[in-house]
């Protein structure tokens, strides 16, 4: 038996630390090994962290996307106000929406470099009213895109398309319902013209965008902007399709449009409040 230790300082080690204690008479020195986490306990902790990350990351992504949506809505509003100021300064005439015209709101042609896009933006008719280059691009735009917004065909855009669209308006006073008339929309990849959708037929024309939680942003002729969330899954699929500009024949068929309330809403907004046909979906 180990005799008791008394009356002197004794040292004992626990891990890497050295502790000193004074043992009283009759007290024995007892050493204990420091307790460590087992492998199972570590795996449980890692699993809990993984679950928490799985819960929190989608929420953080939604918050980040909502922030981008707010910026995009602000951009649409700035552009709409610039569009209004241009008309005020030019005897109520609407700026050209056809972007391959040199006197358009921006000058844009396909496959241009970033610098060429930037030059075309600065040479556009609205740049003097909105000299903020970031206002011309949605925060979720692709790398290399300098302009992601378009003006609808009806507002001094591309020439009339027989059987599909009426003649474009040339003056702001011709707009009967400015609060319902879409001016700008976040198109994504800008086409070499204005954005259009059929007026006299129940069909899409140009590709609609799906951003910011399955919807897109618009601004209107009275200067306000709105976010529209798509309700029809066919619209979401069109918006996510990997193609730019006008829709391919496969996406412009009646399968994608009959009874599509998103299409009806966009057509009414793009053409001033009324459809040019009787919709199959009521």
Foldseek 3Di string as FASTA:
>chain_A
DDAADADDKDWDDEPPDIDIDHDHPPDHDDDDHDDDDDPVRVVVVVVVVVVVCVVVVVVVVLVVLVVLQVLLQVLQLQQLVLQVVLCVVVVQWGAAQQQCDQAHQFNDAPPDFLVVRVVRNCSYPSCVSPVPQCSQARPPADPRDSHQKGFFCQANWDADDPPFGDGHDTGPVVQPCQVLAWTMWRQRDDHSIGAYAGQQDQWGWFQHAQGSAQWIKTATNVSGIDIDHADDVLNSVSNPDPDHTTDDPVSGDCVSGQLRPVSVSVSCRNRRHDGNYDGNND
